[in-house]
C-alpha atoms as a PDB file:
ATOM      1  CA  UNK A   1      43.859  46.189 -18.239  1.00  0.00           C
ATOM      2  CA  UNK A   2      44.745  43.249 -15.545  1.00  0.00           C
ATOM      3  CA  UNK A   3      41.618  40.575 -15.124  1.00  0.00           C
ATOM      4  CA  UNK A   4      39.786  40.857 -11.862  1.00  0.00           C
ATOM      5  CA  UNK A   5      38.345  37.697 -11.586  1.00  0.00           C
ATOM      6  CA  UNK A   6      37.131  35.000  -8.994  1.00  0.00           C
ATOM      7  CA  UNK A   7      39.685  32.428  -9.041  1.00  0.00           C
ATOM      8  CA  UNK A   8      37.713  29.386  -7.465  1.00  0.00           C
ATOM      9  CA  UNK A   9      34.921  29.303  -5.037  1.00  0.00           C
ATOM     10  CA  UNK A  10      35.649  27.717  -1.750  1.00  0.00           C
ATOM     11  CA  UNK A  11      33.551  25.945   0.532  1.00  0.00           C
ATOM     12  CA  UNK A  12      34.162  23.794   3.993  1.00  0.00           C
ATOM     13  CA  UNK A  13      34.373  20.225   4.531  1.00  0.00           C
ATOM     14  CA  UNK A  14      32.764  19.893   8.254  1.00  0.00           C
ATOM     15  CA  UNK A  15      35.910  18.273  10.153  1.00  0.00           C
ATOM     16  CA  UNK A  16      37.066  18.534  13.845  1.00  0.00           C
ATOM     17  CA  UNK A  17      38.665  21.435  15.318  1.00  0.00           C
ATOM     18  CA  UNK A  18      42.400  20.666  15.201  1.00  0.00           C
ATOM     19  CA  UNK A  19      42.662  23.374  18.158  1.00  0.00           C
ATOM     20  CA  UNK A  20      42.018  21.064  21.388  1.00  0.00           C
ATOM     21  CA  UNK A  21      41.099  24.153  23.483  1.00  0.00           C
ATOM     22  CA  UNK A  22      38.245  25.659  20.823  1.00  0.00           C
ATOM     23  CA  UNK A  23      35.078  26.087  22.005  1.00  0.00           C
ATOM     24  CA  UNK A  24      33.471  24.505  19.196  1.00  0.00           C
ATOM     25  CA  UNK A  25      34.658  20.757  17.857  1.00  0.00           C
ATOM     26  CA  UNK A  26      33.430  21.798  14.550  1.00  0.00           C
ATOM     27  CA  UNK A  27      35.157  24.072  12.103  1.00  0.00           C
ATOM     28  CA  UNK A  28      34.845  25.209   8.734  1.00  0.00           C
ATOM     29  CA  UNK A  29      38.235  26.493   7.665  1.00  0.00           C
ATOM     30  CA  UNK A  30      38.889  23.642   5.718  1.00  0.00           C
ATOM     31  CA  UNK A  31      37.708  25.211   2.008  1.00  0.00           C
ATOM     32  CA  UNK A  32      37.688  23.387  -1.217  1.00  0.00           C
ATOM     33  CA  UNK A  33      37.081  24.632  -4.403  1.00  0.00           C
ATOM     34  CA  UNK A  34      33.909  23.651  -6.036  1.00  0.00           C
ATOM     35  CA  UNK A  35      33.154  23.703  -9.862  1.00  0.00           C
ATOM     36  CA  UNK A  36      29.599  24.277  -9.651  1.00  0.00           C
ATOM     37  CA  UNK A  37      27.631  27.646  -9.283  1.00  0.00           C
ATOM     38  CA  UNK A  38      27.066  28.519  -5.036  1.00  0.00           C
ATOM     39  CA  UNK A  39      24.175  30.460  -4.379  1.00  0.00           C
ATOM     40  CA  UNK A  40      25.531  33.768  -2.338  1.00  0.00           C
ATOM     41  CA  UNK A  41      23.086  35.543   0.225  1.00  0.00           C
ATOM     42  CA  UNK A  42      22.801  37.422   3.201  1.00  0.00           C
ATOM     43  CA  UNK A  43      22.963  34.675   5.980  1.00  0.00           C
ATOM     44  CA  UNK A  44      21.353  36.753   9.056  1.00  0.00           C
ATOM     45  CA  UNK A  45      22.707  37.309  12.259  1.00  0.00           C
ATOM     46  CA  UNK A  46      26.043  35.699  13.651  1.00  0.00           C
ATOM     47  CA  UNK A  47      23.581  33.946  16.287  1.00  0.00           C
ATOM     48  CA  UNK A  48      20.675  32.441  15.141  1.00  0.00           C
ATOM     49  CA  UNK A  49      21.774  32.952  11.288  1.00  0.00           C
ATOM     50  CA  UNK A  50      22.558  30.641   8.680  1.00  0.00           C
ATOM     51  CA  UNK A  51      26.506  31.034   9.094  1.00  0.00           C
ATOM     52  CA  UNK A  52      27.666  31.319   5.969  1.00  0.00           C
ATOM     53  CA  UNK A  53      26.642  33.559   3.027  1.00  0.00           C
ATOM     54  CA  UNK A  54      27.675  30.649   0.441  1.00  0.00           C
ATOM     55  CA  UNK A  55      24.730  28.127   0.762  1.00  0.00           C
ATOM     56  CA  UNK A  56      26.449  24.720   1.341  1.00  0.00           C
ATOM     57  CA  UNK A  57      29.360  26.188   3.224  1.00  0.00           C
ATOM     58  CA  UNK A  58      30.005  25.085   6.915  1.00  0.00           C
ATOM     59  CA  UNK A  59      30.724  27.681   9.485  1.00  0.00           C
ATOM     60  CA  UNK A  60      31.728  25.776  12.973  1.00  0.00           C
ATOM     61  CA  UNK A  61      32.017  28.564  15.682  1.00  0.00           C
ATOM     62  CA  UNK A  62      28.930  30.883  15.027  1.00  0.00           C
ATOM     63  CA  UNK A  63      29.451  32.885  18.147  1.00  0.00           C
ATOM     64  CA  UNK A  64      32.774  34.713  16.439  1.00  0.00           C
ATOM     65  CA  UNK A  65      32.147  33.637  12.825  1.00  0.00           C
ATOM     66  CA  UNK A  66      29.813  34.210   9.695  1.00  0.00           C
ATOM     67  CA  UNK A  67      26.551  36.132   9.834  1.00  0.00           C
ATOM     68  CA  UNK A  68      25.868  39.378   7.428  1.00  0.00           C
ATOM     69  CA  UNK A  69      28.749  41.038   8.227  1.00  0.00           C
ATOM     70  CA  UNK A  70      31.271  38.127   7.647  1.00  0.00           C
ATOM     71  CA  UNK A  71      29.252  36.794   4.947  1.00  0.00           C
ATOM     72  CA  UNK A  72      31.894  36.213   2.493  1.00  0.00           C
ATOM     73  CA  UNK A  73      35.544  35.925   2.728  1.00  0.00           C
ATOM     74  CA  UNK A  74      38.199  36.877  -0.158  1.00  0.00           C
ATOM     75  CA  UNK A  75      41.617  36.329  -0.265  1.00  0.00           C
ATOM     76  CA  UNK A  76      43.978  37.367  -3.145  1.00  0.00           C
ATOM     77  CA  UNK A  77      46.001  34.560  -5.009  1.00  0.00           C
ATOM     78  CA  UNK A  78      48.563  36.746  -5.153  1.00  0.00           C
ATOM     79  CA  UNK A  79      49.190  36.949  -1.454  1.00  0.00           C
ATOM     80  CA  UNK A  80      48.993  33.304  -1.189  1.00  0.00           C
ATOM     81  CA  UNK A  81      51.639  32.949  -3.670  1.00  0.00           C
ATOM     82  CA  UNK A  82      53.657  35.495  -1.043  1.00  0.00           C
ATOM     83  CA  UNK A  83      53.232  33.260   1.639  1.00  0.00           C
ATOM     84  CA  UNK A  84      54.223  30.389  -0.594  1.00  0.00           C
ATOM     85  CA  UNK A  85      57.354  31.564  -0.855  1.00  0.00           C
ATOM     86  CA  UNK A  86      57.903  32.910   2.766  1.00  0.00           C
ATOM     87  CA  UNK A  87      56.500  29.565   4.206  1.00  0.00           C
ATOM     88  CA  UNK A  88      58.215  27.264   1.522  1.00  0.00           C
ATOM     89  CA  UNK A  89      55.016  24.960   1.486  1.00  0.00           C
ATOM     90  CA  UNK A  90      52.187  24.188  -1.101  1.00  0.00           C
ATOM     91  CA  UNK A  91      48.877  26.665  -0.109  1.00  0.00           C
ATOM     92  CA  UNK A  92      45.724  25.700  -2.114  1.00  0.00           C
ATOM     93  CA  UNK A  93      42.880  27.800  -3.330  1.00  0.00           C
ATOM     94  CA  UNK A  94      41.150  28.142  -0.084  1.00  0.00           C
ATOM     95  CA  UNK A  95      43.554  26.991   2.493  1.00  0.00           C
ATOM     96  CA  UNK A  96      43.421  30.330   4.450  1.00  0.00           C
ATOM     97  CA  UNK A  97      39.758  29.588   4.696  1.00  0.00           C
ATOM     98  CA  UNK A  98      38.715  32.037   2.128  1.00  0.00           C
ATOM     99  CA  UNK A  99      35.240  31.370   0.342  1.00  0.00           C
ATOM    100  CA  UNK A 100      36.658  33.623  -2.964  1.00  0.00           C
ATOM    101  CA  UNK A 101      40.153  32.914  -4.079  1.00  0.00           C
ATOM    102  CA  UNK A 102      40.691  36.381  -6.331  1.00  0.00           C
ATOM    103  CA  UNK A 103      43.096  37.177  -9.007  1.00  0.00           C
ATOM    104  CA  UNK A 104      43.754  41.426 -10.119  1.00  0.00           C
ATOM    105  CA  UNK A 105      42.161  42.253  -7.189  1.00  0.00           C
ATOM    106  CA  UNK A 106      44.478  44.092  -4.250  1.00  0.00           C
ATOM    107  CA  UNK A 107      41.832  42.505  -1.256  1.00  0.00           C
ATOM    108  CA  UNK A 108      43.659  43.665   1.511  1.00  0.00           C
ATOM    109  CA  UNK A 109      43.873  47.320   0.355  1.00  0.00           C
ATOM    110  CA  UNK A 110      40.315  47.579  -0.630  1.00  0.00           C
ATOM    111  CA  UNK A 111      38.261  50.388   1.224  1.00  0.00           C
ATOM    112  CA  UNK A 112      35.340  49.724   3.739  1.00  0.00           C
ATOM    113  CA  UNK A 113      32.364  49.782   2.007  1.00  0.00           C
ATOM    114  CA  UNK A 114      33.632  49.179  -1.238  1.00  0.00           C
ATOM    115  CA  UNK A 115      31.008  47.417  -3.601  1.00  0.00           C
ATOM    116  CA  UNK A 116      32.111  44.582  -6.081  1.00  0.00           C
ATOM    117  CA  UNK A 117      29.977  43.523  -8.697  1.00  0.00           C
ATOM    118  CA  UNK A 118      30.778  39.941  -9.170  1.00  0.00           C
ATOM    119  CA  UNK A 119      29.638  37.799 -12.239  1.00  0.00           C
ATOM    120  CA  UNK A 120      26.527  38.119 -14.083  1.00  0.00           C
ATOM    121  CA  UNK A 121      23.866  37.035 -11.783  1.00  0.00           C
ATOM    122  CA  UNK A 122      23.474  40.197 -10.155  1.00  0.00           C
ATOM    123  CA  UNK A 123      25.647  39.177  -6.816  1.00  0.00           C
ATOM    124  CA  UNK A 124      26.627  42.791  -4.983  1.00  0.00           C
ATOM    125  CA  UNK A 125      29.324  42.564  -2.192  1.00  0.00           C
ATOM    126  CA  UNK A 126      30.856  45.244   0.136  1.00  0.00           C
ATOM    127  CA  UNK A 127      33.582  45.269   2.063  1.00  0.00           C
ATOM    128  CA  UNK A 128      33.060  45.237   5.587  1.00  0.00           C
ATOM    129  CA  UNK A 129      36.108  44.584   7.710  1.00  0.00           C
ATOM    130  CA  UNK A 130      39.328  42.549   7.905  1.00  0.00           C
ATOM    131  CA  UNK A 131      39.719  39.162   9.204  1.00  0.00           C
ATOM    132  CA  UNK A 132      41.493  38.601  12.250  1.00  0.00           C
ATOM    133  CA  UNK A 133      43.542  35.620  12.865  1.00  0.00           C
ATOM    134  CA  UNK A 134      42.455  32.582  15.733  1.00  0.00           C
ATOM    135  CA  UNK A 135      44.140  29.479  17.188  1.00  0.00           C
ATOM    136  CA  UNK A 136      42.113  27.667  14.785  1.00  0.00           C
ATOM    137  CA  UNK A 137      43.971  29.024  11.782  1.00  0.00           C
ATOM    138  CA  UNK A 138      47.375  28.755  13.047  1.00  0.00           C
ATOM    139  CA  UNK A 139      46.388  24.631  14.144  1.00  0.00           C
ATOM    140  CA  UNK A 140      45.078  23.868  10.832  1.00  0.00           C
ATOM    141  CA  UNK A 141      48.235  25.388   9.236  1.00  0.00           C
ATOM    142  CA  UNK A 142      50.082  23.925  12.140  1.00  0.00           C
ATOM    143  CA  UNK A 143      52.321  26.701  12.751  1.00  0.00           C
ATOM    144  CA  UNK A 144      52.927  27.359  16.148  1.00  0.00           C
ATOM    145  CA  UNK A 145      53.667  31.271  16.037  1.00  0.00           C
ATOM    146  CA  UNK A 146      51.087  32.041  13.364  1.00  0.00           C
ATOM    147  CA  UNK A 147      48.825  34.584  14.972  1.00  0.00           C
ATOM    148  CA  UNK A 148      51.833  36.804  15.233  1.00  0.00           C
ATOM    149  CA  UNK A 149      53.183  35.901  11.720  1.00  0.00           C
ATOM    150  CA  UNK A 150      50.126  37.038  10.096  1.00  0.00           C
ATOM    151  CA  UNK A 151      49.391  39.896  12.412  1.00  0.00           C
ATOM    152  CA  UNK A 152      52.645  41.427  11.275  1.00  0.00           C
ATOM    153  CA  UNK A 153      52.223  40.478   7.795  1.00  0.00           C
ATOM    154  CA  UNK A 154      49.325  42.886   7.431  1.00  0.00           C
ATOM    155  CA  UNK A 155      47.980  41.442   4.618  1.00  0.00           C
ATOM    156  CA  UNK A 156      44.141  39.861   5.933  1.00  0.00           C
ATOM    157  CA  UNK A 157      41.911  40.039   3.137  1.00  0.00           C
ATOM    158  CA  UNK A 158      38.453  40.831   3.395  1.00  0.00           C
ATOM    159  CA  UNK A 159      35.236  40.145   4.599  1.00  0.00           C
ATOM    160  CA  UNK A 160      32.111  41.470   2.711  1.00  0.00           C
ATOM    161  CA  UNK A 161      28.609  41.480   3.037  1.00  0.00           C
ATOM    162  CA  UNK A 162      25.852  40.229   0.579  1.00  0.00           C
ATOM    163  CA  UNK A 163      24.122  43.308  -0.691  1.00  0.00           C
ATOM    164  CA  UNK A 164      22.650  41.759  -3.511  1.00  0.00           C
ATOM    165  CA  UNK A 165      22.428  37.759  -3.793  1.00  0.00           C
ATOM    166  CA  UNK A 166      23.250  36.091  -6.812  1.00  0.00           C
ATOM    167  CA  UNK A 167      25.325  33.175  -7.782  1.00  0.00           C
ATOM    168  CA  UNK A 168      29.150  32.768  -8.303  1.00  0.00           C
ATOM    169  CA  UNK A 169      31.298  30.560 -10.150  1.00  0.00           C
ATOM    170  CA  UNK A 170      35.244  30.112 -10.814  1.00  0.00           C
ATOM    171  CA  UNK A 171      36.290  32.784 -13.409  1.00  0.00           C
ATOM    172  CA  UNK A 172      33.323  35.355 -12.579  1.00  0.00           C
ATOM    173  CA  UNK A 173      34.276  38.725 -13.885  1.00  0.00           C
ATOM    174  CA  UNK A 174      35.027  41.282 -10.149  1.00  0.00           C
ATOM    175  CA  UNK A 175      34.136  45.226 -10.892  1.00  0.00           C
ATOM    176  CA  UNK A 176      34.279  47.702  -8.351  1.00  0.00           C
ATOM    177  CA  UNK A 177      30.655  49.172  -8.400  1.00  0.00           C
ATOM    178  CA  UNK A 178      31.621  51.505  -6.074  1.00  0.00           C
ATOM    179  CA  UNK A 179      34.410  53.072  -3.784  1.00  0.00           C
ATOM    180  CA  UNK A 180      33.529  55.449  -0.868  1.00  0.00           C
ATOM    181  CA  UNK A 181      36.022  58.428  -0.941  1.00  0.00           C
ATOM    182  CA  UNK A 182      37.554  57.787   2.442  1.00  0.00           C
ATOM    183  CA  UNK A 183      40.813  55.916   3.035  1.00  0.00           C
ATOM    184  CA  UNK A 184      40.116  53.439   5.510  1.00  0.00           C
ATOM    185  CA  UNK A 185      40.981  49.992   4.062  1.00  0.00           C
ATOM    186  CA  UNK A 186      40.633  46.956   5.259  1.00  0.00           C
ATOM    187  CA  UNK A 187      44.740  46.818   6.146  1.00  0.00           C
ATOM    188  CA  UNK A 188      43.894  50.361   7.755  1.00  0.00           C
ATOM    189  CA  UNK A 189      41.336  48.707   9.910  1.00  0.00           C
ATOM    190  CA  UNK A 190      43.412  45.107  10.867  1.00  0.00           C
ATOM    191  CA  UNK A 191      45.816  47.731  12.309  1.00  0.00           C
ATOM    192  CA  UNK A 192      43.673  49.363  14.309  1.00  0.00           C
ATOM    193  CA  UNK A 193      42.580  46.348  15.631  1.00  0.00           C
ATOM    194  CA  UNK A 194      45.282  44.286  16.199  1.00  0.00           C
ATOM    195  CA  UNK A 195      48.566  46.926  16.822  1.00  0.00           C
ATOM    196  CA  UNK A 196      47.872  50.665  16.429  1.00  0.00           C
ATOM    197  CA  UNK A 197      44.963  51.460  18.395  1.00  0.00           C
ATOM    198  CA  UNK A 198      45.723  55.137  17.846  1.00  0.00           C
ATOM    199  CA  UNK A 199      44.101  54.580  14.327  1.00  0.00           C
ATOM    200  CA  UNK A 200      40.788  53.452  15.629  1.00  0.00           C
ATOM    201  CA  UNK A 201      39.492  56.630  15.722  1.00  0.00           C
ATOM    202  CA  UNK A 202      40.174  57.356  11.439  1.00  0.00           C
ATOM    203  CA  UNK A 203      37.663  54.084  11.191  1.00  0.00           C
ATOM    204  CA  UNK A 204      34.521  55.560  12.434  1.00  0.00           C
ATOM    205  CA  UNK A 205      34.237  57.686   9.071  1.00  0.00           C
ATOM    206  CA  UNK A 206      33.943  54.198   7.446  1.00  0.00           C
ATOM    207  CA  UNK A 207      29.793  54.062   7.778  1.00  0.00           C
ATOM    208  CA  UNK A 208      29.764  50.300   6.495  1.00  0.00           C
ATOM    209  CA  UNK A 209      32.152  49.166   9.138  1.00  0.00           C
ATOM    210  CA  UNK A 210      31.084  46.137  10.795  1.00  0.00           C
ATOM    211  CA  UNK A 211      28.888  46.308  13.871  1.00  0.00           C
ATOM    212  CA  UNK A 212      31.445  44.330  15.725  1.00  0.00           C
ATOM    213  CA  UNK A 213      34.288  46.712  14.827  1.00  0.00           C
ATOM    214  CA  UNK A 214      32.146  50.001  15.160  1.00  0.00           C
ATOM    215  CA  UNK A 215      31.445  48.502  18.603  1.00  0.00           C
ATOM    216  CA  UNK A 216      35.070  47.692  19.446  1.00  0.00           C
ATOM    217  CA  UNK A 217      36.273  51.107  18.354  1.00  0.00           C
ATOM    218  CA  UNK A 218      33.710  52.520  20.237  1.00  0.00           C
ATOM    219  CA  UNK A 219      34.440  50.967  23.507  1.00  0.00           C
ATOM    220  CA  UNK A 220      38.087  51.338  23.246  1.00  0.00           C
ATOM    221  CA  UNK A 221      37.369  55.307  22.471  1.00  0.00           C
ATOM    222  CA  UNK A 222      35.083  55.465  25.309  1.00  0.00           C
ATOM    223  CA  UNK A 223      37.690  53.973  27.698  1.00  0.00           C
ATOM    224  CA  UNK A 224      40.514  56.390  27.091  1.00  0.00           C
END
C-alpha cells in the first residue's frame, strides 16, 4: 500500500501583503516547513478567535481566513509537482500557503466530512471545504492570471477542522478514520462555488460542509 503521510508541516512567516489593494496589510501566506512538533487545536470563530489551528502560525486577514472551518489547510505534494511542471518553476512545501504538505493522499478528492487520523498523538481532522484563490495568493506567486488558472485546474486542496487536538510533525502517517457515504468532494464543492453553481444543491447532503459554504449555497438557491 502507498505511504500516506505528512511530508512537511508549514507555518507562516508574517510578512507585508504583496497585494497593494488588500484589506489586511499582513499576510500569513508565506509558510515554511518546521522540524519541531506543532500543536494543532480548534482556533474558535474566524472573527475574534485564534486564527490558525496551528500554534505559531499567522493569519493576516481574519475576516476571510482562519477559524474553526479553516483551521488547517492541506495540499498534496503530487499536485505541487504537477504545478511545478506546468509553471516551470520550483514550488517548495508550504508555497501554496498550506499547513500540511501531504504524500499519498488525494486531498482534492477527499470527501467533505472525511476524517483523518494524523500521527499518534490523538490529532483528528475533518475535511470541511475547498480553498478558493485570492489576490494575495496571486500576488505572492507573482502570477497575474493566477486566480483564473488555479480555478480552471480544479485542484484546490482542502481545509480541515480540528475534531480532536494533538501535535503534528513531518513524517506523521495519515489514516482515513471515517469516510461519509455521499460523493461531495472538495473538488466538487470548489466547482459549485467557482464555476458551476448548478451543483450547489448537491452540496447540501454534506453535513460537515463549512458554515460559510452552507450559507452561500442557501443564499444562491433561495434567490432562484
